[in-house]
Every structure is written in structure tokens, then in C-alpha cells.
Amino acid sequence: MHERQETNAKHQAVEALLQEQLAEKQALLINLQEEIEETIKPSEEEEELELQIQAYEIAYQTLHDLSQNVYQDSRNQMEDEVSRILTEMTQGKYDRLGLDEQMNLVVEKDNRKLYPWQLSQGVMEQMYVALRMGAGSIFTREESMPIILDEAFASFDEKRLESALKWLSRQKGQIFLFTCQRREMEILERNSIPYGKILLSR
């Protein structure tokens, strides 16, 4: 009987010790969990920095969207202007001149898209002249600038050259045309287009 009581007392003592150790471990676990939560939880400085980052990202996206809109508006203006010039130079043969998705120069004719290498040399030259004239018109709207052309129509046949010179005669501002040929003068005189002539001796 005495031995049984002694054994029970030992068991109770061990149980009490285990419960005490368990309580300590549980308290330690709770402390560790709190430390982990504090580590994971951002500080006020980190939260402020995160808010600034978000603000910068929003500002960047807004500016990006605005710049894309401005670019698209400028591109549309440019395409409208060069298309108008090309249509006049070709007497309406080509409907529109612009850029495709890969930024390649392309013209439209009867709902067909044609690239420069699919066209004659003369049409290609007309496209590039229209592009240069259109770009100059867009970029100098605030202040008129002189147009300087140096053998710009060397590849034009007589008909295309006449169309180009007639278009140039309707433009405002000074136009300087340098050429070693006489056909430009002949066309200008034939169409009674006024011009000043300066002959340079070799």
C-alpha cells in the first residue's frame, strides 16, 4: 500500500513537472509567434515607402498613357497631312499614306495596302517627298520655315514633276529648288508659275 502511494506521488510529481514545462513551451511559442508577426508586419517607414512607390507607379502609368495619346494624335495629324499631299501630287491615284503596325511606310489604293518596294521608283519618290513635306508642315506650324530641295525630283517623270511643282506653287513661304536640269524652269514657265532664277557658273 505504501509503495503504491509512493508510486502515485512520483507520477503526480512527473505530471506536474511536464505540465510546467508544457506551459513554458507554450509561452515561448506565443512569444515567437508575436516576434514573427512583428517581423512580417511592415514598419511605418516601410508603409510610407510602399505608398510612395504606388504613387510613382500610378504617375508613371498616367504619363505613359498621356504620351501614347499625344503620339497617336501627332501620328494621325502627320498621316492626314502626308496623305493630302500625296493625293494632290498623284491626282487622287493613292488614297492614303501612313505607317503600318511595324512602322513601315505604306500607301492605300482601292482598299489595298502597298509598300514602297511594290511600287515604281517614281511613286516611291512621290511618297518620300510627301513625307518630307508633311513632316515639315507639321513641325513648322508655329513659325514658317523655308523649304530647301536639292535634286529632290531627279527620278520624277515629266507628269509627276509637273504635279509636284504645281503643289509647291500653292504653298506659303520660301522654296529653294536646286537642280542641274532645265525642265523645272520649263514647266514653271509653261504653267505661268512665278519664280526667281539664279544661275551658278561652274
N, C-alpha and C. Protein backbone atom coordinates (compact mmCIF):
# COMPACT_ATOMS: atom_id res chain seq x y z
N MET A 1 0.83 -1.20 0.00
CA MET A 1 0.00 0.00 0.00
C MET A 1 0.87 1.25 0.00
N HIS A 2 1.83 1.22 0.87
CA HIS A 2 2.77 2.34 0.98
C HIS A 2 3.52 2.54 -0.34
N GLU A 3 3.91 1.45 -0.98
CA GLU A 3 4.64 1.53 -2.25
C GLU A 3 3.75 2.14 -3.34
N ARG A 4 2.44 1.77 -3.32
CA ARG A 4 1.53 2.30 -4.34
C ARG A 4 1.38 3.80 -4.16
N GLN A 5 1.26 4.26 -2.95
CA GLN A 5 1.12 5.68 -2.69
C GLN A 5 2.37 6.44 -3.15
N GLU A 6 3.54 5.81 -2.88
CA GLU A 6 4.79 6.44 -3.28
C GLU A 6 4.88 6.54 -4.79
N THR A 7 4.42 5.48 -5.49
CA THR A 7 4.44 5.50 -6.97
C THR A 7 3.51 6.57 -7.50
N ASN A 8 2.31 6.69 -6.91
CA ASN A 8 1.36 7.72 -7.35
C ASN A 8 1.93 9.12 -7.14
N ALA A 9 2.62 9.28 -6.05
CA ALA A 9 3.21 10.59 -5.75
C ALA A 9 4.27 10.93 -6.79
N LYS A 10 5.07 9.94 -7.18
CA LYS A 10 6.08 10.18 -8.21
C LYS A 10 5.44 10.55 -9.54
N HIS A 11 4.34 9.81 -9.86
CA HIS A 11 3.65 10.09 -11.12
C HIS A 11 3.09 11.50 -11.12
N GLN A 12 2.52 11.91 -10.01
CA GLN A 12 1.96 13.26 -9.92
C GLN A 12 3.05 14.32 -10.04
N ALA A 13 4.21 14.02 -9.41
CA ALA A 13 5.32 14.98 -9.48
C ALA A 13 5.81 15.11 -10.91
N VAL A 14 5.94 13.97 -11.62
CA VAL A 14 6.37 13.99 -13.03
C VAL A 14 5.35 14.72 -13.89
N GLU A 15 4.07 14.45 -13.59
CA GLU A 15 2.99 15.09 -14.36
C GLU A 15 3.01 16.59 -14.15
N ALA A 16 3.21 17.00 -12.91
CA ALA A 16 3.27 18.43 -12.61
C ALA A 16 4.45 19.08 -13.31
N LEU A 17 5.59 18.37 -13.33
CA LEU A 17 6.78 18.89 -14.00
C LEU A 17 6.54 19.03 -15.49
N LEU A 18 5.89 18.01 -16.07
CA LEU A 18 5.59 18.05 -17.50
C LEU A 18 4.63 19.19 -17.82
N GLN A 19 3.62 19.39 -16.98
CA GLN A 19 2.67 20.47 -17.21
C GLN A 19 3.37 21.83 -17.13
N GLU A 20 4.31 21.94 -16.18
CA GLU A 20 5.06 23.19 -16.05
C GLU A 20 5.92 23.45 -17.27
N GLN A 21 6.58 22.38 -17.77
CA GLN A 21 7.41 22.53 -18.97
C GLN A 21 6.55 22.85 -20.20
N LEU A 22 5.37 22.22 -20.23
CA LEU A 22 4.45 22.48 -21.36
C LEU A 22 4.00 23.94 -21.36
N ALA A 23 3.71 24.44 -20.17
CA ALA A 23 3.28 25.83 -20.05
C ALA A 23 4.40 26.77 -20.50
N GLU A 24 5.63 26.44 -20.13
CA GLU A 24 6.77 27.26 -20.54
C GLU A 24 6.94 27.25 -22.06
N LYS A 25 6.81 26.03 -22.63
CA LYS A 25 6.96 25.92 -24.09
C LYS A 25 5.85 26.68 -24.82
N GLN A 26 4.63 26.60 -24.26
CA GLN A 26 3.51 27.32 -24.89
C GLN A 26 3.74 28.83 -24.83
N ALA A 27 4.25 29.29 -23.68
CA ALA A 27 4.55 30.72 -23.55
C ALA A 27 5.64 31.12 -24.53
N LEU A 28 6.66 30.27 -24.67
CA LEU A 28 7.74 30.53 -25.61
C LEU A 28 7.23 30.57 -27.03
N LEU A 29 6.31 29.64 -27.36
CA LEU A 29 5.73 29.59 -28.69
C LEU A 29 4.94 30.86 -28.99
N ILE A 30 4.19 31.32 -28.01
CA ILE A 30 3.41 32.55 -28.18
C ILE A 30 4.34 33.74 -28.43
N ASN A 31 5.45 33.81 -27.66
CA ASN A 31 6.41 34.89 -27.85
C ASN A 31 7.03 34.86 -29.24
N LEU A 32 7.37 33.64 -29.68
CA LEU A 32 7.95 33.51 -31.02
C LEU A 32 6.96 33.93 -32.11
N GLN A 33 5.70 33.55 -31.94
CA GLN A 33 4.68 33.92 -32.92
C GLN A 33 4.51 35.45 -32.98
N GLU A 34 4.54 36.09 -31.81
CA GLU A 34 4.43 37.55 -31.77
C GLU A 34 5.63 38.21 -32.45
N GLU A 35 6.82 37.66 -32.22
CA GLU A 35 8.02 38.21 -32.86
C GLU A 35 7.95 38.07 -34.37
N ILE A 36 7.47 36.90 -34.81
CA ILE A 36 7.33 36.67 -36.26
C ILE A 36 6.34 37.64 -36.86
N GLU A 37 5.22 37.86 -36.18
CA GLU A 37 4.21 38.79 -36.68
C GLU A 37 4.76 40.21 -36.76
N GLU A 38 5.54 40.60 -35.74
CA GLU A 38 6.13 41.93 -35.75
C GLU A 38 7.15 42.06 -36.88
N THR A 39 7.87 40.96 -37.15
CA THR A 39 8.85 40.99 -38.24
C THR A 39 8.16 41.10 -39.59
N ILE A 40 7.06 40.37 -39.75
CA ILE A 40 6.32 40.39 -41.03
C ILE A 40 5.60 41.71 -41.22
N LYS A 41 5.05 42.26 -40.16
CA LYS A 41 4.29 43.50 -40.25
C LYS A 41 5.23 44.65 -40.61
N PRO A 42 4.94 45.39 -41.69
CA PRO A 42 5.84 46.47 -42.10
C PRO A 42 5.81 47.62 -41.10
N SER A 43 6.92 48.27 -40.99
CA SER A 43 7.01 49.43 -40.11
C SER A 43 6.33 50.62 -40.78
N GLU A 44 6.20 51.73 -40.04
CA GLU A 44 5.58 52.92 -40.61
C GLU A 44 6.39 53.45 -41.79
N GLU A 45 7.71 53.39 -41.69
CA GLU A 45 8.57 53.83 -42.80
C GLU A 45 8.37 52.96 -44.03
N GLU A 46 8.26 51.65 -43.78
CA GLU A 46 8.04 50.73 -44.91
C GLU A 46 6.69 50.98 -45.56
N GLU A 47 5.67 51.23 -44.74
CA GLU A 47 4.34 51.51 -45.28
C GLU A 47 4.35 52.81 -46.09
N GLU A 48 5.05 53.84 -45.58
CA GLU A 48 5.15 55.11 -46.28
C GLU A 48 5.87 54.94 -47.62
N LEU A 49 6.96 54.15 -47.60
CA LEU A 49 7.70 53.88 -48.82
C LEU A 49 6.85 53.14 -49.83
N GLU A 50 6.08 52.18 -49.37
CA GLU A 50 5.19 51.42 -50.26
C GLU A 50 4.15 52.35 -50.90
N LEU A 51 3.61 53.28 -50.11
CA LEU A 51 2.64 54.23 -50.65
C LEU A 51 3.28 55.14 -51.70
N GLN A 52 4.53 55.56 -51.46
CA GLN A 52 5.24 56.38 -52.43
C GLN A 52 5.49 55.62 -53.72
N ILE A 53 5.88 54.35 -53.58
CA ILE A 53 6.11 53.52 -54.77
C ILE A 53 4.83 53.39 -55.59
N GLN A 54 3.72 53.15 -54.91
CA GLN A 54 2.44 53.04 -55.61
C GLN A 54 2.09 54.34 -56.31
N ALA A 55 2.36 55.48 -55.63
CA ALA A 55 2.07 56.78 -56.23
C ALA A 55 2.92 57.00 -57.47
N TYR A 56 4.21 56.64 -57.41
CA TYR A 56 5.09 56.78 -58.58
C TYR A 56 4.63 55.88 -59.72
N GLU A 57 4.20 54.68 -59.39
CA GLU A 57 3.73 53.76 -60.43
C GLU A 57 2.49 54.31 -61.11
N ILE A 58 1.59 54.88 -60.32
CA ILE A 58 0.37 55.47 -60.90
C ILE A 58 0.73 56.67 -61.77
N ALA A 59 1.66 57.52 -61.28
CA ALA A 59 2.08 58.69 -62.05
C ALA A 59 2.75 58.27 -63.36
N TYR A 60 3.62 57.26 -63.29
CA TYR A 60 4.30 56.78 -64.50
C TYR A 60 3.30 56.26 -65.52
N GLN A 61 2.34 55.47 -65.05
CA GLN A 61 1.35 54.90 -65.95
C GLN A 61 0.51 55.99 -66.59
N THR A 62 0.16 57.01 -65.78
CA THR A 62 -0.63 58.12 -66.29
C THR A 62 0.14 58.88 -67.38
N LEU A 63 1.42 59.18 -67.09
CA LEU A 63 2.25 59.88 -68.09
C LEU A 63 2.44 59.04 -69.34
N HIS A 64 2.62 57.73 -69.15
CA HIS A 64 2.79 56.83 -70.30
C HIS A 64 1.55 56.86 -71.18
N ASP A 65 0.37 56.79 -70.53
CA ASP A 65 -0.88 56.81 -71.29
C ASP A 65 -1.06 58.13 -72.02
N LEU A 66 -0.70 59.23 -71.34
CA LEU A 66 -0.82 60.54 -71.97
C LEU A 66 0.12 60.67 -73.17
N SER A 67 1.37 60.20 -73.00
CA SER A 67 2.34 60.29 -74.09
C SER A 67 1.90 59.44 -75.28
N GLN A 68 1.29 58.28 -74.99
CA GLN A 68 0.78 57.44 -76.07
C GLN A 68 -0.33 58.15 -76.83
N ASN A 69 -1.21 58.85 -76.07
CA ASN A 69 -2.30 59.59 -76.70
C ASN A 69 -1.77 60.73 -77.55
N VAL A 70 -0.76 61.46 -76.99
CA VAL A 70 -0.16 62.57 -77.75
C VAL A 70 0.52 62.04 -79.00
N TYR A 71 1.26 60.91 -78.86
CA TYR A 71 1.92 60.32 -80.02
C TYR A 71 0.91 59.92 -81.08
N GLN A 72 -0.19 59.31 -80.64
CA GLN A 72 -1.21 58.86 -81.60
C GLN A 72 -1.84 60.05 -82.30
N ASP A 73 -2.09 61.13 -81.53
CA ASP A 73 -2.66 62.33 -82.15
C ASP A 73 -1.70 62.92 -83.17
N SER A 74 -0.41 63.00 -82.82
CA SER A 74 0.59 63.55 -83.74
C SER A 74 0.73 62.66 -84.97
N ARG A 75 0.70 61.35 -84.75
CA ARG A 75 0.81 60.42 -85.88
C ARG A 75 -0.38 60.58 -86.81
N ASN A 76 -1.58 60.72 -86.25
CA ASN A 76 -2.77 60.89 -87.08
C ASN A 76 -2.68 62.18 -87.89
N GLN A 77 -2.21 63.26 -87.24
CA GLN A 77 -2.06 64.53 -87.95
C GLN A 77 -1.05 64.40 -89.09
N MET A 78 0.05 63.72 -88.79
CA MET A 78 1.09 63.53 -89.80
C MET A 78 0.55 62.72 -90.99
N GLU A 79 -0.13 61.63 -90.69
CA GLU A 79 -0.64 60.79 -91.77
C GLU A 79 -1.69 61.53 -92.60
N ASP A 80 -2.52 62.33 -91.93
CA ASP A 80 -3.52 63.11 -92.67
C ASP A 80 -2.84 64.10 -93.61
N GLU A 81 -1.78 64.75 -93.12
CA GLU A 81 -1.10 65.77 -93.92
C GLU A 81 -0.37 65.15 -95.11
N VAL A 82 0.40 64.08 -94.88
CA VAL A 82 1.15 63.48 -95.99
C VAL A 82 0.21 62.81 -96.98
N SER A 83 -0.92 62.30 -96.49
CA SER A 83 -1.91 61.70 -97.40
C SER A 83 -2.50 62.76 -98.31
N ARG A 84 -2.80 63.92 -97.74
CA ARG A 84 -3.36 65.00 -98.54
C ARG A 84 -2.37 65.42 -99.63
N ILE A 85 -1.08 65.52 -99.25
CA ILE A 85 -0.07 65.93 -100.23
C ILE A 85 0.08 64.89 -101.33
N LEU A 86 0.15 63.61 -100.94
CA LEU A 86 0.32 62.56 -101.94
C LEU A 86 -0.90 62.49 -102.87
N THR A 87 -2.08 62.65 -102.31
CA THR A 87 -3.30 62.62 -103.13
C THR A 87 -3.27 63.74 -104.16
N GLU A 88 -2.83 64.93 -103.75
CA GLU A 88 -2.75 66.05 -104.69
C GLU A 88 -1.69 65.79 -105.76
N MET A 89 -0.54 65.27 -105.36
CA MET A 89 0.54 65.04 -106.32
C MET A 89 0.19 63.95 -107.32
N THR A 90 -0.61 62.98 -106.90
CA THR A 90 -0.94 61.86 -107.78
C THR A 90 -2.34 61.99 -108.37
N GLN A 91 -2.95 63.19 -108.25
CA GLN A 91 -4.31 63.42 -108.75
C GLN A 91 -5.30 62.37 -108.24
N GLY A 92 -5.16 62.03 -106.97
CA GLY A 92 -6.11 61.12 -106.34
C GLY A 92 -5.87 59.65 -106.63
N LYS A 93 -4.75 59.31 -107.22
CA LYS A 93 -4.48 57.90 -107.55
C LYS A 93 -4.29 57.06 -106.29
N TYR A 94 -3.70 57.67 -105.26
CA TYR A 94 -3.48 56.95 -104.00
C TYR A 94 -4.26 57.64 -102.89
N ASP A 95 -4.92 56.83 -102.07
CA ASP A 95 -5.86 57.38 -101.09
C ASP A 95 -5.20 57.87 -99.81
N ARG A 96 -4.24 57.09 -99.32
CA ARG A 96 -3.67 57.43 -98.02
C ARG A 96 -2.24 56.92 -97.91
N LEU A 97 -1.43 57.72 -97.22
CA LEU A 97 -0.05 57.36 -96.95
C LEU A 97 0.14 57.37 -95.44
N GLY A 98 0.71 56.29 -94.91
CA GLY A 98 0.89 56.22 -93.46
C GLY A 98 1.87 55.14 -93.07
N LEU A 99 1.74 54.67 -91.83
CA LEU A 99 2.61 53.65 -91.28
C LEU A 99 1.77 52.46 -90.83
N ASP A 100 2.31 51.25 -91.04
CA ASP A 100 1.61 50.07 -90.58
C ASP A 100 2.01 49.76 -89.13
N GLU A 101 1.59 48.59 -88.62
CA GLU A 101 1.86 48.23 -87.23
C GLU A 101 3.35 48.11 -86.93
N GLN A 102 4.15 47.78 -87.95
CA GLN A 102 5.61 47.65 -87.77
C GLN A 102 6.35 48.94 -88.15
N MET A 103 5.58 50.05 -88.29
CA MET A 103 6.13 51.37 -88.61
C MET A 103 6.77 51.40 -90.00
N ASN A 104 6.27 50.57 -90.93
CA ASN A 104 6.71 50.61 -92.32
C ASN A 104 5.83 51.57 -93.10
N LEU A 105 6.44 52.32 -94.01
CA LEU A 105 5.69 53.24 -94.86
C LEU A 105 4.80 52.43 -95.80
N VAL A 106 3.54 52.84 -95.94
CA VAL A 106 2.60 52.09 -96.76
C VAL A 106 1.57 53.06 -97.34
N VAL A 107 1.13 52.77 -98.58
CA VAL A 107 0.06 53.57 -99.20
C VAL A 107 -1.15 52.67 -99.42
N GLU A 108 -2.31 53.31 -99.49
CA GLU A 108 -3.55 52.58 -99.76
C GLU A 108 -4.09 52.99 -101.12
N LYS A 109 -4.49 51.98 -101.87
CA LYS A 109 -5.09 52.20 -103.18
C LYS A 109 -6.20 51.17 -103.37
N ASP A 110 -7.42 51.65 -103.54
CA ASP A 110 -8.57 50.76 -103.72
C ASP A 110 -8.64 49.71 -102.60
N ASN A 111 -8.47 50.19 -101.34
CA ASN A 111 -8.54 49.33 -100.14
C ASN A 111 -7.42 48.29 -100.09
N ARG A 112 -6.37 48.50 -100.85
CA ARG A 112 -5.19 47.62 -100.82
C ARG A 112 -4.02 48.38 -100.23
N LYS A 113 -3.24 47.69 -99.40
CA LYS A 113 -2.03 48.29 -98.84
C LYS A 113 -0.84 47.92 -99.70
N LEU A 114 -0.08 48.93 -100.09
CA LEU A 114 1.09 48.71 -100.95
C LEU A 114 2.31 49.34 -100.30
N TYR A 115 3.42 48.59 -100.32
CA TYR A 115 4.67 49.08 -99.75
C TYR A 115 5.54 49.67 -100.84
N PRO A 116 6.51 50.51 -100.46
CA PRO A 116 7.35 51.17 -101.49
C PRO A 116 7.97 50.21 -102.49
N TRP A 117 8.43 49.03 -102.01
CA TRP A 117 9.09 48.11 -102.93
C TRP A 117 8.12 47.44 -103.92
N GLN A 118 6.81 47.66 -103.70
CA GLN A 118 5.82 47.12 -104.64
C GLN A 118 5.42 48.16 -105.69
N LEU A 119 6.03 49.33 -105.62
CA LEU A 119 5.64 50.43 -106.49
C LEU A 119 6.81 50.84 -107.39
N SER A 120 6.52 51.69 -108.34
CA SER A 120 7.57 52.16 -109.25
C SER A 120 8.47 53.16 -108.52
N GLN A 121 9.63 53.40 -109.09
CA GLN A 121 10.57 54.35 -108.50
C GLN A 121 9.95 55.73 -108.38
N GLY A 122 9.18 56.11 -109.41
CA GLY A 122 8.54 57.43 -109.40
C GLY A 122 7.56 57.59 -108.26
N VAL A 123 6.73 56.58 -108.02
CA VAL A 123 5.75 56.64 -106.92
C VAL A 123 6.47 56.65 -105.58
N MET A 124 7.53 55.85 -105.47
CA MET A 124 8.31 55.84 -104.24
C MET A 124 8.85 57.24 -103.94
N GLU A 125 9.37 57.91 -104.96
CA GLU A 125 9.89 59.25 -104.76
C GLU A 125 8.78 60.22 -104.35
N GLN A 126 7.60 60.05 -104.94
CA GLN A 126 6.46 60.89 -104.55
C GLN A 126 6.10 60.67 -103.08
N MET A 127 6.14 59.42 -102.65
CA MET A 127 5.84 59.10 -101.25
C MET A 127 6.81 59.80 -100.32
N TYR A 128 8.09 59.72 -100.63
CA TYR A 128 9.11 60.31 -99.76
C TYR A 128 9.06 61.84 -99.77
N VAL A 129 8.76 62.41 -100.93
CA VAL A 129 8.60 63.87 -100.98
C VAL A 129 7.40 64.29 -100.14
N ALA A 130 6.28 63.56 -100.27
CA ALA A 130 5.08 63.87 -99.47
C ALA A 130 5.37 63.74 -97.98
N LEU A 131 6.16 62.72 -97.62
CA LEU A 131 6.51 62.53 -96.21
C LEU A 131 7.36 63.70 -95.71
N ARG A 132 8.34 64.11 -96.50
CA ARG A 132 9.21 65.22 -96.09
C ARG A 132 8.42 66.52 -95.99
N MET A 133 7.56 66.76 -96.98
CA MET A 133 6.77 67.99 -96.97
C MET A 133 5.76 67.99 -95.82
N GLY A 134 5.16 66.83 -95.57
CA GLY A 134 4.19 66.73 -94.48
C GLY A 134 4.83 66.94 -93.13
N ALA A 135 6.00 66.32 -92.93
CA ALA A 135 6.71 66.48 -91.66
C ALA A 135 7.11 67.94 -91.46
N GLY A 136 7.60 68.57 -92.53
CA GLY A 136 7.99 69.97 -92.42
C GLY A 136 6.80 70.85 -92.08
N SER A 137 5.65 70.54 -92.68
CA SER A 137 4.45 71.33 -92.41
C SER A 137 3.99 71.20 -90.96
N ILE A 138 4.05 69.97 -90.44
CA ILE A 138 3.61 69.72 -89.06
C ILE A 138 4.55 70.40 -88.07
N PHE A 139 5.85 70.28 -88.29
CA PHE A 139 6.83 70.77 -87.31
C PHE A 139 7.06 72.28 -87.39
N THR A 140 6.58 72.92 -88.43
CA THR A 140 6.82 74.37 -88.56
C THR A 140 5.51 75.15 -88.58
N ARG A 141 4.50 74.63 -87.95
CA ARG A 141 3.21 75.33 -87.94
C ARG A 141 3.28 76.63 -87.15
N GLU A 142 4.07 76.63 -86.07
CA GLU A 142 4.17 77.83 -85.26
C GLU A 142 4.93 78.93 -85.98
N GLU A 143 5.92 78.56 -86.75
CA GLU A 143 6.74 79.55 -87.47
C GLU A 143 7.15 78.97 -88.81
N SER A 144 6.78 79.66 -89.88
CA SER A 144 7.08 79.17 -91.23
C SER A 144 8.58 79.15 -91.48
N MET A 145 9.04 78.06 -92.09
CA MET A 145 10.45 77.91 -92.43
C MET A 145 10.58 77.68 -93.92
N PRO A 146 11.68 78.10 -94.52
CA PRO A 146 11.86 77.87 -95.97
C PRO A 146 12.03 76.39 -96.28
N ILE A 147 11.58 76.01 -97.47
CA ILE A 147 11.74 74.63 -97.95
C ILE A 147 12.94 74.59 -98.88
N ILE A 148 13.86 73.69 -98.61
CA ILE A 148 15.07 73.57 -99.43
C ILE A 148 15.08 72.19 -100.09
N LEU A 149 15.07 72.16 -101.41
CA LEU A 149 15.03 70.91 -102.17
C LEU A 149 16.23 70.85 -103.10
N ASP A 150 17.04 69.85 -102.93
CA ASP A 150 18.25 69.70 -103.75
C ASP A 150 18.10 68.44 -104.60
N GLU A 151 17.80 68.62 -105.88
CA GLU A 151 17.58 67.50 -106.81
C GLU A 151 16.57 66.51 -106.25
N ALA A 152 15.51 67.04 -105.63
CA ALA A 152 14.50 66.19 -105.00
C ALA A 152 13.65 65.45 -106.02
N PHE A 153 13.63 65.94 -107.27
CA PHE A 153 12.74 65.36 -108.28
C PHE A 153 13.51 64.71 -109.43
N ALA A 154 14.73 64.30 -109.15
CA ALA A 154 15.57 63.75 -110.22
C ALA A 154 14.96 62.50 -110.84
N SER A 155 14.21 61.70 -110.05
CA SER A 155 13.63 60.46 -110.56
C SER A 155 12.20 60.64 -111.08
N PHE A 156 11.69 61.86 -111.01
CA PHE A 156 10.32 62.10 -111.46
C PHE A 156 10.27 62.18 -112.99
N ASP A 157 9.22 61.60 -113.55
CA ASP A 157 9.00 61.82 -114.98
C ASP A 157 8.33 63.19 -115.14
N GLU A 158 8.07 63.58 -116.37
CA GLU A 158 7.54 64.92 -116.65
C GLU A 158 6.21 65.17 -115.95
N LYS A 159 5.33 64.19 -115.98
CA LYS A 159 3.99 64.36 -115.41
C LYS A 159 4.07 64.52 -113.89
N ARG A 160 4.87 63.67 -113.25
CA ARG A 160 4.99 63.74 -111.78
C ARG A 160 5.67 65.04 -111.36
N LEU A 161 6.67 65.46 -112.12
CA LEU A 161 7.36 66.69 -111.80
C LEU A 161 6.41 67.89 -111.90
N GLU A 162 5.59 67.89 -112.91
CA GLU A 162 4.65 69.00 -113.07
C GLU A 162 3.67 69.05 -111.91
N SER A 163 3.17 67.88 -111.48
CA SER A 163 2.24 67.82 -110.34
C SER A 163 2.92 68.34 -109.07
N ALA A 164 4.19 67.94 -108.87
CA ALA A 164 4.92 68.37 -107.67
C ALA A 164 5.14 69.87 -107.67
N LEU A 165 5.53 70.43 -108.83
CA LEU A 165 5.78 71.86 -108.90
C LEU A 165 4.49 72.67 -108.74
N LYS A 166 3.40 72.17 -109.25
CA LYS A 166 2.12 72.85 -109.07
C LYS A 166 1.74 72.86 -107.58
N TRP A 167 1.97 71.73 -106.92
CA TRP A 167 1.67 71.67 -105.49
C TRP A 167 2.55 72.65 -104.72
N LEU A 168 3.84 72.68 -105.06
CA LEU A 168 4.75 73.60 -104.38
C LEU A 168 4.35 75.05 -104.60
N SER A 169 3.83 75.36 -105.77
CA SER A 169 3.46 76.75 -106.08
C SER A 169 2.30 77.23 -105.21
N ARG A 170 1.53 76.31 -104.65
CA ARG A 170 0.40 76.69 -103.81
C ARG A 170 0.78 76.81 -102.33
N GLN A 171 2.03 76.52 -102.01
CA GLN A 171 2.47 76.57 -100.61
C GLN A 171 2.93 77.97 -100.25
N LYS A 172 2.82 78.27 -98.96
CA LYS A 172 3.27 79.56 -98.45
C LYS A 172 4.74 79.46 -98.04
N GLY A 173 5.39 80.58 -98.02
CA GLY A 173 6.78 80.59 -97.59
C GLY A 173 7.74 80.41 -98.76
N GLN A 174 9.01 80.57 -98.45
CA GLN A 174 10.04 80.47 -99.48
C GLN A 174 10.36 79.01 -99.81
N ILE A 175 10.64 78.79 -101.09
CA ILE A 175 11.04 77.46 -101.56
C ILE A 175 12.30 77.61 -102.39
N PHE A 176 13.35 76.91 -102.00
CA PHE A 176 14.61 76.93 -102.75
C PHE A 176 14.76 75.57 -103.43
N LEU A 177 14.81 75.61 -104.75
CA LEU A 177 14.91 74.38 -105.53
C LEU A 177 16.23 74.40 -106.30
N PHE A 178 17.11 73.47 -105.95
CA PHE A 178 18.41 73.36 -106.61
C PHE A 178 18.36 72.21 -107.62
N THR A 179 18.76 72.49 -108.84
CA THR A 179 18.76 71.45 -109.87
C THR A 179 19.78 71.80 -110.95
N CYS A 180 20.27 70.75 -111.60
CA CYS A 180 21.20 70.97 -112.72
C CYS A 180 20.48 70.81 -114.05
N GLN A 181 19.14 70.65 -114.02
CA GLN A 181 18.37 70.46 -115.23
C GLN A 181 17.55 71.72 -115.56
N ARG A 182 17.07 71.77 -116.79
CA ARG A 182 16.26 72.91 -117.22
C ARG A 182 14.77 72.61 -117.18
N ARG A 183 14.39 71.36 -117.04
CA ARG A 183 12.97 71.02 -117.18
C ARG A 183 12.11 71.65 -116.08
N GLU A 184 12.67 71.87 -114.87
CA GLU A 184 11.89 72.54 -113.84
C GLU A 184 11.50 73.95 -114.28
N MET A 185 12.46 74.68 -114.86
CA MET A 185 12.18 76.04 -115.34
C MET A 185 11.16 76.01 -116.47
N GLU A 186 11.28 75.05 -117.35
CA GLU A 186 10.35 74.96 -118.47
C GLU A 186 8.92 74.70 -118.00
N ILE A 187 8.77 73.82 -117.03
CA ILE A 187 7.43 73.53 -116.51
C ILE A 187 6.86 74.73 -115.77
N LEU A 188 7.69 75.40 -114.97
CA LEU A 188 7.23 76.59 -114.25
C LEU A 188 6.77 77.67 -115.23
N GLU A 189 7.53 77.88 -116.27
CA GLU A 189 7.17 78.90 -117.27
C GLU A 189 5.94 78.49 -118.06
N ARG A 190 5.83 77.21 -118.38
CA ARG A 190 4.68 76.72 -119.15
C ARG A 190 3.37 76.88 -118.38
N ASN A 191 3.48 76.77 -117.06
CA ASN A 191 2.28 76.89 -116.22
C ASN A 191 2.15 78.28 -115.59
N SER A 192 2.96 79.23 -116.07
CA SER A 192 2.91 80.61 -115.59
C SER A 192 3.05 80.70 -114.07
N ILE A 193 3.94 79.88 -113.53
CA ILE A 193 4.21 79.91 -112.10
C ILE A 193 5.39 80.83 -111.86
N PRO A 194 5.21 81.89 -111.10
CA PRO A 194 6.31 82.84 -110.89
C PRO A 194 7.45 82.23 -110.06
N TYR A 195 8.67 82.60 -110.40
CA TYR A 195 9.82 82.11 -109.66
C TYR A 195 11.01 83.01 -109.92
N GLY A 196 11.96 82.95 -109.04
CA GLY A 196 13.20 83.70 -109.23
C GLY A 196 14.31 82.72 -109.64
N LYS A 197 15.14 83.14 -110.57
CA LYS A 197 16.16 82.24 -111.12
C LYS A 197 17.55 82.76 -110.80
N ILE A 198 18.37 81.88 -110.29
CA ILE A 198 19.76 82.21 -110.04
C ILE A 198 20.62 81.13 -110.70
N LEU A 199 21.43 81.52 -111.65
CA LEU A 199 22.29 80.57 -112.34
C LEU A 199 23.68 80.61 -111.71
N LEU A 200 24.17 79.43 -111.36
CA LEU A 200 25.51 79.33 -110.76
C LEU A 200 26.48 78.81 -111.81
N SER A 201 27.53 79.54 -112.04
CA SER A 201 28.52 79.09 -113.03
C SER A 201 29.50 78.11 -112.36
N ARG A 202 29.99 77.18 -113.15
CA ARG A 202 30.92 76.20 -112.64
C ARG A 202 32.33 76.74 -112.60
